[in-house]
Amino acid sequence: MSDTQVQNRWTLGSIVFVGGVLVALVILLGLGTWQMQRLGWKEALISTIDQRVASEPRSLEEIEGFLTTGNDVDYWPVKVEGVFHHDGERHFFATHEGRAGFYVYTPLELTDGRLVLVNRGFVPYELKEPSTRVQGQVEGIVNVTGLARAELDGKPSVIVPDNDLTKNVFYWKDLQAMAETTGVGQPEDYLRLFIDANDTANPGGLPVGGVTMISLPNSHLEYALTWYSLAAVLVGVLGVWVVRQRKT
């Protein structure tokens, strides 16, 4: 192999190396910038939720107004009045303070005859059946204050199990399926939202209210720093390589 061929081979290798480094650098910087954008979005979302949760309860008419105009209803405090239909409880599999059990979604018949599913709170696994906690099955007209929660568009993820309608065990909040299986009213009678009841104590201590999880993970800054750090390391590697090339 001639000196010219050797030179050409190393020239081509250098081009491929530098090109690969530059492509990787662009990708790393892009990922870091994307995470910074996500950080801004997440911080704005957390601020919005904090402001909503801290605000005064709104009327149901106001919350419905948000729905009809296509606005988000999640985490707005709302106050409603009605009668619980405990025989229509739907049970959503959940954990609370390290214990497995269920969130109890109960149809609340409003004064105008419509229905809304209220997450009254958590009960342990062994107390799933209403007959095991009769003290907490409040009768008559009640006032419920809680947080409005939006209806889901569909199953959150393919790894989430399908709801077991026969056993009345839900793994994701399918409002339509819940409404169809309560045995209370007709599905079209239900408002297209949930209400998570606040932590007002229920008779007998169950269900345990105030179980809404509003702590959102926010690790975007750490992710951004990781990508930018890798990009910096790559720049250092390229710099060392360039110095060595000049010495040869």
Protein backbone atom coordinates (compact mmCIF):
# COMPACT_ATOMS: atom_id res chain seq x y z
CA MET A 1 0.00 0.00 0.00
CA SER A 2 1.45 3.38 -1.05
CA ASP A 3 1.89 6.39 1.22
CA THR A 4 -0.89 8.13 -0.75
CA GLN A 5 -3.30 5.24 -0.10
CA VAL A 6 -2.48 5.27 3.62
CA GLN A 7 -3.02 9.02 3.74
CA ASN A 8 -6.37 8.70 1.92
CA ARG A 9 -7.47 5.88 4.23
CA TRP A 10 -6.75 7.90 7.37
CA THR A 11 -8.34 10.99 5.82
CA LEU A 12 -11.55 9.05 5.18
CA GLY A 13 -11.41 7.58 8.70
CA SER A 14 -10.96 11.05 10.16
CA ILE A 15 -13.95 12.37 8.24
CA VAL A 16 -16.14 9.50 9.43
CA PHE A 17 -14.96 9.98 13.02
CA VAL A 18 -15.48 13.73 13.09
CA GLY A 19 -18.81 13.42 11.30
CA GLY A 20 -20.01 10.83 13.81
CA VAL A 21 -18.93 13.01 16.73
CA LEU A 22 -20.73 16.04 15.30
CA VAL A 23 -23.94 14.06 14.71
CA ALA A 24 -23.81 12.68 18.25
CA LEU A 25 -23.14 16.20 19.58
CA VAL A 26 -26.17 17.60 17.78
CA ILE A 27 -28.35 14.80 19.16
CA LEU A 28 -27.12 15.32 22.73
CA LEU A 29 -27.61 19.07 22.58
CA GLY A 30 -31.05 18.55 21.08
CA LEU A 31 -32.03 16.18 23.89
CA GLY A 32 -30.76 18.61 26.50
CA THR A 33 -32.67 21.50 24.95
CA TRP A 34 -35.82 19.39 24.72
CA GLN A 35 -35.56 18.56 28.42
CA MET A 36 -35.19 22.26 29.25
CA GLN A 37 -38.36 22.94 27.28
CA ARG A 38 -40.08 20.13 29.17
CA LEU A 39 -38.84 21.68 32.42
CA GLY A 40 -40.54 24.96 31.58
CA TRP A 41 -43.76 23.13 30.69
CA LYS A 42 -43.69 21.05 33.88
CA GLU A 43 -43.02 24.04 36.14
CA ALA A 44 -45.92 25.93 34.54
CA LEU A 45 -48.18 22.90 35.00
CA ILE A 46 -47.23 22.51 38.67
CA SER A 47 -47.83 26.22 39.26
CA THR A 48 -51.25 25.99 37.60
CA ILE A 49 -52.26 22.99 39.69
CA ASP A 50 -51.07 24.64 42.91
CA GLN A 51 -53.10 27.74 42.13
CA ARG A 52 -56.21 25.73 41.34
CA VAL A 53 -56.03 23.52 44.41
CA ALA A 54 -55.59 26.56 46.65
CA SER A 55 -58.58 28.40 45.15
CA GLU A 56 -62.13 28.51 46.52
CA PRO A 57 -64.54 25.74 45.46
CA ARG A 58 -66.42 26.54 42.29
CA SER A 59 -69.97 25.68 41.38
CA LEU A 60 -70.68 22.67 39.24
CA GLU A 61 -72.06 25.01 36.59
CA GLU A 62 -68.68 26.70 36.30
CA ILE A 63 -66.87 23.39 35.97
CA GLU A 64 -69.34 22.26 33.30
CA GLY A 65 -68.71 25.55 31.53
CA PHE A 66 -65.04 24.62 31.28
CA LEU A 67 -66.02 21.32 29.67
CA THR A 68 -68.35 22.85 27.10
CA THR A 69 -65.70 25.36 26.05
CA GLY A 70 -63.04 22.68 25.75
CA ASN A 71 -61.01 23.85 28.75
CA ASP A 72 -59.26 21.63 31.25
CA VAL A 73 -61.16 20.87 34.48
CA ASP A 74 -58.48 18.91 36.33
CA TYR A 75 -57.87 19.92 39.97
CA TRP A 76 -60.44 22.70 40.15
CA PRO A 77 -62.11 22.59 43.59
CA VAL A 78 -65.86 22.04 43.26
CA LYS A 79 -68.78 21.72 45.67
CA VAL A 80 -71.88 19.64 44.93
CA GLU A 81 -74.95 18.39 46.76
CA GLY A 82 -76.79 15.11 46.34
CA VAL A 83 -77.50 11.60 47.53
CA PHE A 84 -75.05 8.70 47.32
CA HIS A 85 -76.11 5.41 45.73
CA HIS A 86 -73.79 3.06 47.58
CA ASP A 87 -75.15 0.00 45.79
CA GLY A 88 -73.49 1.31 42.64
CA GLU A 89 -69.93 1.53 44.00
CA ARG A 90 -67.15 0.97 41.49
CA HIS A 91 -63.76 -0.09 42.81
CA PHE A 92 -60.46 1.19 41.40
CA PHE A 93 -57.38 -0.82 42.43
CA ALA A 94 -54.94 1.42 44.29
CA THR A 95 -52.44 1.69 47.12
CA HIS A 96 -52.49 4.15 49.98
CA GLU A 97 -49.79 4.60 52.60
CA GLY A 98 -48.28 1.24 51.72
CA ARG A 99 -51.54 -0.74 51.78
CA ALA A 100 -53.26 -2.34 48.80
CA GLY A 101 -56.93 -1.72 48.33
CA PHE A 102 -59.39 0.30 46.31
CA TYR A 103 -60.60 3.81 45.67
CA VAL A 104 -64.37 3.80 46.03
CA TYR A 105 -66.20 5.56 43.21
CA THR A 106 -69.82 6.10 44.20
CA PRO A 107 -72.64 7.55 42.06
CA LEU A 108 -73.91 10.81 43.55
CA GLU A 109 -77.38 11.80 42.42
CA LEU A 110 -77.49 15.57 42.13
CA THR A 111 -80.51 17.68 42.98
CA ASP A 112 -81.37 17.95 39.27
CA GLY A 113 -81.40 14.16 38.87
CA ARG A 114 -78.09 13.86 37.05
CA LEU A 115 -75.27 11.68 38.36
CA VAL A 116 -71.55 12.11 38.96
CA LEU A 117 -69.01 9.53 40.08
CA VAL A 118 -67.32 10.61 43.31
CA ASN A 119 -64.05 9.08 44.48
CA ARG A 120 -64.91 8.93 48.17
CA GLY A 121 -61.46 7.62 49.08
CA PHE A 122 -59.49 4.51 49.95
CA VAL A 123 -60.55 1.25 51.60
CA PRO A 124 -58.22 -1.70 52.34
CA TYR A 125 -58.37 -4.75 50.10
CA GLU A 126 -60.25 -6.85 52.63
CA LEU A 127 -62.92 -4.17 53.03
CA LYS A 128 -63.86 -3.94 49.36
CA GLU A 129 -67.45 -5.00 49.93
CA PRO A 130 -69.74 -2.23 51.25
CA SER A 131 -71.29 -4.63 53.79
CA THR A 132 -67.96 -4.68 55.67
CA ARG A 133 -68.04 -0.92 56.33
CA VAL A 134 -71.66 0.04 56.73
CA GLN A 135 -70.84 2.96 59.06
CA GLY A 136 -69.24 4.82 56.20
CA GLN A 137 -72.24 4.47 53.89
CA VAL A 138 -73.76 7.87 54.63
CA GLU A 139 -77.44 8.29 53.76
CA GLY A 140 -79.53 11.29 52.77
CA ILE A 141 -78.48 14.56 51.21
CA VAL A 142 -74.78 15.30 51.57
CA ASN A 143 -72.49 18.15 50.56
CA VAL A 144 -69.33 17.01 48.82
CA THR A 145 -66.31 19.21 48.28
CA GLY A 146 -63.45 17.89 46.20
CA LEU A 147 -61.35 18.24 43.09
CA ALA A 148 -62.75 17.87 39.59
CA ARG A 149 -60.92 15.26 37.53
CA ALA A 150 -61.15 14.92 33.78
CA GLU A 151 -62.42 11.87 31.98
CA LEU A 152 -59.61 9.85 30.36
CA ASP A 153 -59.46 9.55 26.57
CA GLY A 154 -58.54 5.88 26.87
CA LYS A 155 -56.33 3.37 28.62
CA PRO A 156 -53.19 5.22 29.77
CA SER A 157 -50.77 2.49 28.64
CA VAL A 158 -50.71 -0.96 27.08
CA ILE A 159 -49.11 -2.29 30.26
CA VAL A 160 -52.17 -1.34 32.31
CA PRO A 161 -54.42 -4.41 32.78
CA ASP A 162 -57.91 -4.45 31.33
CA ASN A 163 -60.69 -3.60 33.73
CA ASP A 164 -62.45 -6.62 35.21
CA LEU A 165 -66.08 -5.59 35.01
CA THR A 166 -67.33 -8.93 36.30
CA LYS A 167 -65.40 -8.57 39.57
CA ASN A 168 -65.93 -4.80 39.73
CA VAL A 169 -62.19 -4.10 39.70
CA PHE A 170 -60.95 -1.20 37.60
CA TYR A 171 -57.28 -0.65 36.75
CA TRP A 172 -57.90 2.56 34.84
CA LYS A 173 -60.68 5.09 35.18
CA ASP A 174 -63.01 4.22 32.31
CA LEU A 175 -65.90 6.56 33.08
CA GLN A 176 -68.16 5.07 30.44
CA ALA A 177 -67.67 1.50 31.69
CA MET A 178 -68.16 2.61 35.30
CA ALA A 179 -71.39 4.41 34.41
CA GLU A 180 -72.70 1.44 32.43
CA THR A 181 -72.10 -1.04 35.26
CA THR A 182 -73.28 0.85 38.37
CA GLY A 183 -76.89 -0.18 37.90
CA VAL A 184 -77.81 3.38 38.83
CA GLY A 185 -79.42 5.55 36.17
CA GLN A 186 -78.38 5.49 32.53
CA PRO A 187 -74.85 6.12 31.22
CA GLU A 188 -75.99 9.35 29.59
CA ASP A 189 -77.12 10.63 33.01
CA TYR A 190 -73.49 10.84 34.22
CA LEU A 191 -71.42 13.98 33.99
CA ARG A 192 -68.26 13.52 31.93
CA LEU A 193 -65.95 14.07 34.88
CA PHE A 194 -65.07 12.63 38.26
CA ILE A 195 -64.89 14.34 41.64
CA ASP A 196 -62.20 13.35 44.16
CA ALA A 197 -63.70 14.03 47.60
CA ASN A 198 -61.57 15.93 50.09
CA ASP A 199 -60.27 14.55 53.38
CA THR A 200 -63.41 15.21 55.40
CA ALA A 201 -63.72 12.29 57.84
CA ASN A 202 -66.33 9.68 56.98
CA PRO A 203 -68.27 7.79 59.69
CA GLY A 204 -66.29 4.78 60.81
CA GLY A 205 -63.17 6.22 59.20
CA LEU A 206 -63.83 4.69 55.78
CA PRO A 207 -63.41 5.44 52.99
CA VAL A 208 -60.32 7.57 53.70
CA GLY A 209 -60.84 10.72 51.66
CA GLY A 210 -58.40 13.19 50.21
CA VAL A 211 -56.41 10.63 48.24
CA THR A 212 -55.81 12.71 45.11
CA MET A 213 -52.16 12.45 44.08
CA ILE A 214 -50.98 15.84 42.85
CA SER A 215 -47.23 15.45 43.30
CA LEU A 216 -45.78 15.48 39.79
CA PRO A 217 -42.24 14.22 39.21
CA ASN A 218 -39.96 16.90 37.84
CA SER A 219 -36.52 15.57 36.92
CA HIS A 220 -36.17 17.39 33.62
CA LEU A 221 -33.33 19.61 34.85
CA GLU A 222 -31.32 16.56 35.91
CA TYR A 223 -31.96 14.93 32.53
CA ALA A 224 -30.93 18.12 30.70
CA LEU A 225 -27.70 18.38 32.69
CA THR A 226 -26.95 14.73 31.91
CA TRP A 227 -27.30 15.27 28.15
CA TYR A 228 -25.34 18.53 28.22
CA SER A 229 -22.60 16.86 30.30
CA LEU A 230 -22.30 14.04 27.78
CA ALA A 231 -22.07 16.63 25.03
CA ALA A 232 -19.27 18.39 26.92
CA VAL A 233 -17.41 15.11 27.32
CA LEU A 234 -17.78 14.48 23.61
CA VAL A 235 -16.36 17.90 22.82
CA GLY A 236 -13.40 17.08 25.10
CA VAL A 237 -12.81 13.78 23.30
CA LEU A 238 -12.88 15.55 19.96
CA GLY A 239 -10.44 18.17 21.24
CA VAL A 240 -7.96 15.54 22.43
CA TRP A 241 -8.24 13.74 19.10
CA VAL A 242 -7.55 16.96 17.16
CA VAL A 243 -4.46 17.69 19.28
CA ARG A 244 -3.10 14.19 18.68
CA GLN A 245 -3.72 14.46 14.95
CA ARG A 246 -1.66 17.61 14.78
CA LYS A 247 1.26 15.90 16.50
CA THR A 248 1.34 13.03 14.00
